[in-house]
N, C-alpha and C. Protein backbone atom coordinates (compact mmCIF):
# COMPACT_ATOMS: atom_id res chain seq x y z
N UNK A 1 3.23 5.54 13.82
CA UNK A 1 4.60 5.11 13.54
C UNK A 1 4.86 5.31 12.05
N UNK A 2 5.89 6.01 11.72
CA UNK A 2 6.28 6.20 10.32
C UNK A 2 7.01 4.95 9.82
N UNK A 3 7.04 4.82 8.51
CA UNK A 3 7.74 3.70 7.90
C UNK A 3 9.22 3.76 8.27
N UNK A 4 9.77 2.65 8.67
CA UNK A 4 11.16 2.54 9.07
C UNK A 4 12.01 2.24 7.83
N UNK A 5 12.93 3.14 7.49
CA UNK A 5 13.72 2.97 6.27
C UNK A 5 14.52 1.67 6.30
N UNK A 6 15.07 1.32 7.45
CA UNK A 6 15.89 0.11 7.52
C UNK A 6 15.09 -1.14 7.18
N UNK A 7 13.81 -1.16 7.56
CA UNK A 7 12.96 -2.32 7.31
C UNK A 7 12.35 -2.31 5.91
N UNK A 8 12.36 -1.16 5.25
CA UNK A 8 11.66 -0.98 3.98
C UNK A 8 12.54 -0.37 2.90
N UNK A 9 13.83 -0.61 2.96
CA UNK A 9 14.76 0.05 2.05
C UNK A 9 14.39 -0.16 0.58
N UNK A 10 14.10 -1.39 0.17
CA UNK A 10 13.77 -1.65 -1.23
C UNK A 10 12.50 -0.93 -1.66
N UNK A 11 11.48 -0.98 -0.82
CA UNK A 11 10.20 -0.35 -1.13
C UNK A 11 10.36 1.16 -1.20
N UNK A 12 10.97 1.75 -0.19
CA UNK A 12 11.10 3.21 -0.17
C UNK A 12 12.03 3.73 -1.26
N UNK A 13 13.05 2.97 -1.61
CA UNK A 13 13.92 3.37 -2.72
C UNK A 13 13.13 3.37 -4.02
N UNK A 14 12.30 2.35 -4.24
CA UNK A 14 11.47 2.29 -5.45
C UNK A 14 10.47 3.43 -5.48
N UNK A 15 9.81 3.66 -4.36
CA UNK A 15 8.82 4.74 -4.28
C UNK A 15 9.48 6.09 -4.56
N UNK A 16 10.66 6.28 -4.04
CA UNK A 16 11.37 7.56 -4.20
C UNK A 16 11.63 7.87 -5.67
N UNK A 17 11.82 6.84 -6.49
CA UNK A 17 12.09 7.08 -7.92
C UNK A 17 10.89 7.68 -8.63
N UNK A 18 9.67 7.47 -8.09
CA UNK A 18 8.46 8.02 -8.69
C UNK A 18 8.06 9.35 -8.07
N UNK A 19 8.76 9.78 -7.02
CA UNK A 19 8.37 10.96 -6.27
C UNK A 19 8.46 12.23 -7.11
N UNK A 20 7.48 13.11 -6.90
CA UNK A 20 7.46 14.40 -7.58
C UNK A 20 7.32 15.48 -6.51
N UNK A 21 8.46 16.10 -6.12
CA UNK A 21 8.37 17.17 -5.11
C UNK A 21 7.57 18.35 -5.67
N UNK A 22 6.82 19.02 -4.81
CA UNK A 22 6.03 20.19 -5.18
C UNK A 22 6.47 21.37 -4.33
N UNK A 23 6.54 22.52 -4.97
CA UNK A 23 6.88 23.75 -4.26
C UNK A 23 5.59 24.36 -3.68
N UNK A 24 5.72 25.14 -2.62
CA UNK A 24 4.53 25.75 -2.01
C UNK A 24 3.72 26.61 -2.99
N UNK A 25 4.36 27.23 -3.96
CA UNK A 25 3.64 28.11 -4.89
C UNK A 25 2.82 27.34 -5.92
N UNK A 26 3.11 26.05 -6.08
CA UNK A 26 2.39 25.24 -7.06
C UNK A 26 1.02 24.83 -6.53
N UNK A 27 0.19 24.30 -7.41
CA UNK A 27 -1.13 23.81 -7.00
C UNK A 27 -0.94 22.70 -5.96
N UNK A 28 -1.40 22.95 -4.75
CA UNK A 28 -1.22 22.01 -3.65
C UNK A 28 -2.44 21.14 -3.39
N UNK A 29 -3.32 21.04 -4.36
CA UNK A 29 -4.56 20.28 -4.19
C UNK A 29 -4.30 18.82 -3.84
N UNK A 30 -3.33 18.20 -4.49
CA UNK A 30 -3.03 16.79 -4.25
C UNK A 30 -1.57 16.62 -3.84
N UNK A 31 -1.19 17.30 -2.78
CA UNK A 31 0.17 17.25 -2.28
C UNK A 31 0.13 16.79 -0.82
N UNK A 32 1.00 15.84 -0.50
CA UNK A 32 1.12 15.34 0.87
C UNK A 32 2.58 15.42 1.27
N UNK A 33 2.85 16.11 2.35
CA UNK A 33 4.21 16.25 2.87
C UNK A 33 5.20 16.73 1.81
N UNK A 34 4.74 17.61 0.92
CA UNK A 34 5.62 18.19 -0.09
C UNK A 34 5.78 17.37 -1.35
N UNK A 35 5.04 16.27 -1.49
CA UNK A 35 5.13 15.42 -2.68
C UNK A 35 3.75 15.26 -3.32
N UNK A 36 3.76 15.21 -4.65
CA UNK A 36 2.51 14.98 -5.38
C UNK A 36 1.93 13.63 -5.00
N UNK A 37 0.64 13.60 -4.73
CA UNK A 37 -0.05 12.34 -4.41
C UNK A 37 -0.12 11.49 -5.68
N UNK A 38 0.38 10.27 -5.60
CA UNK A 38 0.41 9.37 -6.75
C UNK A 38 -0.65 8.28 -6.66
N UNK A 39 -1.76 8.61 -6.03
CA UNK A 39 -2.89 7.69 -5.94
C UNK A 39 -4.16 8.52 -5.97
N UNK A 40 -5.16 8.04 -6.68
CA UNK A 40 -6.45 8.72 -6.73
C UNK A 40 -7.02 8.79 -5.32
N UNK A 41 -7.67 9.88 -4.94
CA UNK A 41 -8.25 9.97 -3.60
C UNK A 41 -9.18 8.80 -3.25
N UNK A 42 -9.92 8.26 -4.22
CA UNK A 42 -10.77 7.09 -3.95
C UNK A 42 -9.92 5.88 -3.57
N UNK A 43 -8.75 5.77 -4.16
CA UNK A 43 -7.85 4.66 -3.85
C UNK A 43 -7.26 4.82 -2.45
N UNK A 44 -6.98 6.05 -2.05
CA UNK A 44 -6.51 6.30 -0.68
C UNK A 44 -7.61 5.88 0.30
N UNK A 45 -8.85 6.22 -0.01
CA UNK A 45 -9.97 5.80 0.84
C UNK A 45 -10.08 4.28 0.89
N UNK A 46 -9.84 3.62 -0.24
CA UNK A 46 -9.89 2.16 -0.27
C UNK A 46 -8.81 1.57 0.63
N UNK A 47 -7.61 2.16 0.60
CA UNK A 47 -6.54 1.67 1.46
C UNK A 47 -6.92 1.84 2.93
N UNK A 48 -7.58 2.94 3.27
CA UNK A 48 -8.07 3.15 4.64
C UNK A 48 -9.08 2.06 5.02
N UNK A 49 -9.97 1.73 4.10
CA UNK A 49 -10.95 0.66 4.35
C UNK A 49 -10.23 -0.65 4.63
N UNK A 50 -9.24 -0.98 3.81
CA UNK A 50 -8.51 -2.23 3.98
C UNK A 50 -7.72 -2.24 5.29
N UNK A 51 -7.25 -1.08 5.72
CA UNK A 51 -6.52 -0.97 6.97
C UNK A 51 -7.37 -1.43 8.15
N UNK A 52 -8.68 -1.24 8.05
CA UNK A 52 -9.58 -1.62 9.14
C UNK A 52 -9.62 -3.12 9.40
N UNK A 53 -9.09 -3.92 8.48
CA UNK A 53 -9.06 -5.37 8.67
C UNK A 53 -7.84 -5.84 9.46
N UNK A 54 -7.01 -4.90 9.87
CA UNK A 54 -5.82 -5.23 10.66
C UNK A 54 -5.89 -4.48 11.98
N UNK A 55 -5.16 -4.96 12.94
CA UNK A 55 -5.14 -4.34 14.26
C UNK A 55 -3.81 -3.61 14.44
N UNK A 56 -3.89 -2.33 14.63
CA UNK A 56 -2.67 -1.57 14.90
C UNK A 56 -1.97 -1.00 13.69
N UNK A 57 -2.51 -1.20 12.50
CA UNK A 57 -1.88 -0.66 11.29
C UNK A 57 -2.12 0.84 11.21
N UNK A 58 -1.25 1.53 10.49
CA UNK A 58 -1.43 2.96 10.30
C UNK A 58 -1.25 3.32 8.83
N UNK A 59 -1.94 4.37 8.42
CA UNK A 59 -1.79 4.90 7.06
C UNK A 59 -0.74 5.99 7.11
N UNK A 60 0.24 5.86 6.25
CA UNK A 60 1.32 6.84 6.14
C UNK A 60 1.45 7.23 4.67
N UNK A 61 2.23 8.25 4.40
CA UNK A 61 2.53 8.64 3.03
C UNK A 61 4.04 8.67 2.87
N UNK A 62 4.53 7.96 1.87
CA UNK A 62 5.96 7.91 1.58
C UNK A 62 6.17 8.52 0.20
N UNK A 63 6.71 9.73 0.17
CA UNK A 63 6.97 10.42 -1.10
C UNK A 63 5.73 10.50 -1.99
N UNK A 64 4.57 10.71 -1.39
CA UNK A 64 3.33 10.84 -2.14
C UNK A 64 2.59 9.55 -2.40
N UNK A 65 3.10 8.44 -1.92
CA UNK A 65 2.45 7.13 -2.08
C UNK A 65 1.85 6.74 -0.73
N UNK A 66 0.53 6.47 -0.69
CA UNK A 66 -0.06 6.00 0.57
C UNK A 66 0.36 4.56 0.84
N UNK A 67 0.76 4.30 2.08
CA UNK A 67 1.20 2.97 2.48
C UNK A 67 0.57 2.61 3.82
N UNK A 68 0.42 1.32 4.07
CA UNK A 68 -0.01 0.84 5.38
C UNK A 68 1.21 0.24 6.07
N UNK A 69 1.38 0.59 7.34
CA UNK A 69 2.52 0.11 8.12
C UNK A 69 2.06 -0.67 9.34
N UNK A 70 2.87 -1.61 9.75
CA UNK A 70 2.66 -2.32 11.00
C UNK A 70 3.02 -1.37 12.14
N UNK A 71 2.69 -1.72 13.39
CA UNK A 71 3.07 -0.85 14.52
C UNK A 71 4.58 -0.66 14.64
N UNK A 72 5.37 -1.55 14.06
CA UNK A 72 6.83 -1.42 14.13
C UNK A 72 7.42 -0.72 12.91
N UNK A 73 6.57 -0.23 12.00
CA UNK A 73 7.06 0.56 10.87
C UNK A 73 7.34 -0.19 9.60
N UNK A 74 6.96 -1.46 9.50
CA UNK A 74 7.17 -2.21 8.27
C UNK A 74 5.98 -2.00 7.35
N UNK A 75 6.24 -1.64 6.10
CA UNK A 75 5.19 -1.44 5.11
C UNK A 75 4.69 -2.79 4.63
N UNK A 76 3.34 -2.95 4.57
CA UNK A 76 2.77 -4.20 4.07
C UNK A 76 1.76 -3.99 2.95
N UNK A 77 1.43 -2.74 2.65
CA UNK A 77 0.51 -2.44 1.56
C UNK A 77 0.80 -1.03 1.04
N UNK A 78 0.53 -0.83 -0.24
CA UNK A 78 0.70 0.49 -0.86
C UNK A 78 -0.33 0.64 -1.97
N UNK A 79 -0.59 1.87 -2.35
CA UNK A 79 -1.56 2.15 -3.42
C UNK A 79 -0.95 3.13 -4.40
N UNK A 80 -1.24 2.91 -5.69
CA UNK A 80 -0.73 3.81 -6.73
C UNK A 80 -1.74 3.91 -7.86
N UNK A 81 -1.80 5.06 -8.49
CA UNK A 81 -2.65 5.24 -9.66
C UNK A 81 -4.11 5.35 -9.30
N UNK A 82 -4.97 4.73 -10.11
CA UNK A 82 -6.41 4.83 -9.89
C UNK A 82 -7.02 3.58 -9.27
N UNK A 83 -6.35 2.43 -9.40
CA UNK A 83 -6.97 1.20 -8.90
C UNK A 83 -5.98 0.13 -8.44
N UNK A 84 -4.72 0.43 -8.36
CA UNK A 84 -3.71 -0.58 -8.07
C UNK A 84 -3.24 -0.55 -6.62
N UNK A 85 -3.21 -1.73 -6.01
CA UNK A 85 -2.59 -1.86 -4.70
C UNK A 85 -1.47 -2.89 -4.79
N UNK A 86 -0.52 -2.72 -3.88
CA UNK A 86 0.59 -3.64 -3.75
C UNK A 86 0.50 -4.24 -2.36
N UNK A 87 0.69 -5.56 -2.26
CA UNK A 87 0.63 -6.25 -0.98
C UNK A 87 1.86 -7.12 -0.77
N UNK A 88 2.32 -7.20 0.47
CA UNK A 88 3.45 -8.03 0.87
C UNK A 88 2.93 -9.43 1.12
N UNK A 89 2.91 -10.26 0.06
CA UNK A 89 2.28 -11.58 0.13
C UNK A 89 3.27 -12.69 -0.21
N UNK A 90 3.72 -13.43 0.78
CA UNK A 90 4.70 -14.48 0.53
C UNK A 90 4.17 -15.69 -0.22
N UNK A 91 2.85 -15.89 -0.25
CA UNK A 91 2.32 -17.09 -0.88
C UNK A 91 2.07 -16.95 -2.38
N UNK A 92 2.07 -15.75 -2.91
CA UNK A 92 1.92 -15.54 -4.35
C UNK A 92 0.60 -15.96 -4.94
N UNK A 93 -0.46 -15.99 -4.12
CA UNK A 93 -1.75 -16.48 -4.62
C UNK A 93 -2.63 -15.39 -5.21
N UNK A 94 -2.18 -14.15 -5.20
CA UNK A 94 -3.00 -13.04 -5.68
C UNK A 94 -2.13 -12.10 -6.53
N UNK A 95 -2.72 -11.51 -7.51
CA UNK A 95 -2.04 -10.48 -8.29
C UNK A 95 -0.85 -10.98 -9.09
N UNK A 96 -0.04 -10.02 -9.48
CA UNK A 96 1.16 -10.29 -10.26
C UNK A 96 2.39 -9.90 -9.45
N UNK A 97 3.53 -10.54 -9.71
CA UNK A 97 4.75 -10.11 -9.00
C UNK A 97 5.00 -8.62 -9.24
N UNK A 98 5.53 -7.96 -8.25
CA UNK A 98 5.87 -6.54 -8.37
C UNK A 98 7.35 -6.38 -8.04
N UNK A 99 8.22 -6.65 -9.01
CA UNK A 99 9.67 -6.66 -8.74
C UNK A 99 10.24 -5.31 -8.30
N UNK A 100 9.55 -4.22 -8.60
CA UNK A 100 10.05 -2.91 -8.18
C UNK A 100 10.23 -2.83 -6.67
N UNK A 101 9.37 -3.52 -5.92
CA UNK A 101 9.47 -3.53 -4.46
C UNK A 101 10.25 -4.73 -3.95
N UNK A 102 10.52 -5.69 -4.81
CA UNK A 102 11.24 -6.90 -4.41
C UNK A 102 10.29 -8.01 -4.00
N UNK A 103 10.85 -9.16 -3.69
CA UNK A 103 10.06 -10.30 -3.23
C UNK A 103 9.59 -10.05 -1.82
N UNK A 104 8.44 -10.43 -1.44
CA UNK A 104 7.37 -11.14 -2.13
C UNK A 104 6.21 -10.24 -2.54
N UNK A 105 6.50 -9.02 -2.93
CA UNK A 105 5.45 -8.05 -3.25
C UNK A 105 4.66 -8.46 -4.49
N UNK A 106 3.33 -8.22 -4.40
CA UNK A 106 2.40 -8.53 -5.49
C UNK A 106 1.57 -7.29 -5.79
N UNK A 107 1.12 -7.15 -7.01
CA UNK A 107 0.32 -6.00 -7.44
C UNK A 107 -0.97 -6.48 -8.09
N UNK A 108 -2.07 -5.76 -7.80
CA UNK A 108 -3.35 -6.11 -8.39
C UNK A 108 -4.37 -5.00 -8.15
N UNK A 109 -5.59 -5.28 -8.52
CA UNK A 109 -6.68 -4.30 -8.38
C UNK A 109 -7.10 -4.16 -6.92
N UNK A 110 -7.47 -2.95 -6.55
CA UNK A 110 -7.92 -2.68 -5.18
C UNK A 110 -9.35 -3.15 -4.95
N UNK A 111 -10.08 -3.34 -6.02
CA UNK A 111 -11.44 -3.85 -5.97
C UNK A 111 -11.49 -5.03 -6.93
N UNK A 112 -12.18 -6.08 -6.57
CA UNK A 112 -12.24 -7.26 -7.43
C UNK A 112 -12.93 -6.96 -8.74
N UNK A 113 -14.00 -6.21 -8.67
CA UNK A 113 -14.84 -5.96 -9.84
C UNK A 113 -14.17 -5.03 -10.85
N UNK A 114 -14.47 -5.27 -12.10
CA UNK A 114 -14.03 -4.39 -13.16
C UNK A 114 -15.14 -3.41 -13.49
N UNK A 115 -15.00 -2.70 -14.56
CA UNK A 115 -16.00 -1.71 -14.98
C UNK A 115 -17.35 -2.37 -15.19
N UNK A 116 -18.38 -1.81 -14.57
CA UNK A 116 -19.74 -2.31 -14.74
C UNK A 116 -20.08 -3.55 -13.94
N UNK A 117 -19.15 -4.04 -13.11
CA UNK A 117 -19.38 -5.24 -12.30
C UNK A 117 -19.31 -4.84 -10.83
N UNK A 118 -20.27 -5.26 -10.04
CA UNK A 118 -20.31 -4.89 -8.62
C UNK A 118 -19.32 -5.70 -7.80
N UNK A 119 -18.72 -5.04 -6.83
CA UNK A 119 -17.84 -5.67 -5.85
C UNK A 119 -18.75 -6.30 -4.80
N UNK A 120 -18.66 -7.61 -4.60
CA UNK A 120 -19.58 -8.33 -3.71
C UNK A 120 -19.02 -8.45 -2.29
N UNK A 121 -19.87 -8.93 -1.40
CA UNK A 121 -19.44 -9.22 -0.03
C UNK A 121 -18.37 -10.29 -0.02
N UNK A 122 -18.49 -11.27 -0.87
CA UNK A 122 -17.48 -12.34 -0.96
C UNK A 122 -16.15 -11.76 -1.44
N UNK A 123 -16.20 -10.83 -2.39
CA UNK A 123 -14.98 -10.16 -2.86
C UNK A 123 -14.31 -9.45 -1.69
N UNK A 124 -15.11 -8.75 -0.89
CA UNK A 124 -14.56 -8.00 0.24
C UNK A 124 -13.94 -8.92 1.28
N UNK A 125 -14.56 -10.08 1.53
CA UNK A 125 -13.99 -11.06 2.45
C UNK A 125 -12.62 -11.54 1.95
N UNK A 126 -12.53 -11.71 0.64
CA UNK A 126 -11.27 -12.14 0.04
C UNK A 126 -10.19 -11.07 0.26
N UNK A 127 -10.53 -9.81 0.03
CA UNK A 127 -9.56 -8.72 0.24
C UNK A 127 -9.18 -8.59 1.70
N UNK A 128 -10.15 -8.77 2.59
CA UNK A 128 -9.85 -8.72 4.02
C UNK A 128 -8.81 -9.80 4.38
N UNK A 129 -8.98 -10.99 3.85
CA UNK A 129 -8.04 -12.09 4.12
C UNK A 129 -6.66 -11.77 3.54
N UNK A 130 -6.62 -11.19 2.34
CA UNK A 130 -5.34 -10.83 1.74
C UNK A 130 -4.59 -9.80 2.57
N UNK A 131 -5.29 -8.77 3.02
CA UNK A 131 -4.65 -7.72 3.81
C UNK A 131 -4.18 -8.27 5.15
N UNK A 132 -4.97 -9.13 5.75
CA UNK A 132 -4.54 -9.76 7.01
C UNK A 132 -3.29 -10.62 6.81
N UNK A 133 -3.24 -11.33 5.70
CA UNK A 133 -2.07 -12.15 5.40
C UNK A 133 -0.83 -11.28 5.18
N UNK A 134 -0.99 -10.19 4.44
CA UNK A 134 0.14 -9.27 4.21
C UNK A 134 0.63 -8.68 5.53
N UNK A 135 -0.30 -8.27 6.38
CA UNK A 135 0.04 -7.72 7.68
C UNK A 135 0.78 -8.76 8.54
N UNK A 136 0.24 -9.96 8.57
CA UNK A 136 0.84 -11.03 9.35
C UNK A 136 2.24 -11.36 8.85
N UNK A 137 2.42 -11.42 7.54
CA UNK A 137 3.73 -11.72 6.97
C UNK A 137 4.74 -10.62 7.32
N UNK A 138 4.30 -9.37 7.28
CA UNK A 138 5.19 -8.26 7.63
C UNK A 138 5.56 -8.31 9.11
N UNK A 139 4.60 -8.61 9.96
CA UNK A 139 4.88 -8.74 11.39
C UNK A 139 5.85 -9.88 11.66
N UNK A 140 5.68 -10.97 10.92
CA UNK A 140 6.58 -12.12 11.09
C UNK A 140 8.01 -11.75 10.73
N UNK A 141 8.18 -10.90 9.74
CA UNK A 141 9.53 -10.46 9.36
C UNK A 141 10.23 -9.78 10.53
N UNK A 142 9.49 -9.01 11.32
CA UNK A 142 10.09 -8.34 12.47
C UNK A 142 10.47 -9.33 13.56
N UNK A 143 9.68 -10.37 13.74
CA UNK A 143 9.99 -11.38 14.74
C UNK A 143 11.25 -12.15 14.35
N UNK A 144 11.38 -12.44 13.04
CA UNK A 144 12.52 -13.22 12.55
C UNK A 144 13.80 -12.39 12.45
N UNK A 145 13.66 -11.08 12.39
CA UNK A 145 14.83 -10.20 12.21
C UNK A 145 15.66 -10.11 13.48
């Protein structure tokens, strides 16, 4: 299921402002659906790992930004740059507000550990809980709509 524009207008409008279309003749090494990939390949892999903590989520690309969507097309996670993820978190207990996507989006590191510090099993459990909460909150939005 692709991201539904009606359900994600604020997010997709923000993502579109960062989009960099690529022509076929240009270097297509990091191009997805005609747009430059705006996330490091390791970060895309991390988003895939986090997707495994939800049931029925899918990885999509919106204008070169990898996003996770619910089965109904609502975006609940996104990745940008080398280490940043955005999550749809109504409780505000993680990361920093991300006003570009609107409320209740939060932004933070995709891995708990910083340079030279190992990401632990406890860290991973925390991220699993965050992704499940973001997924659940996005699904709840569809029920309430």
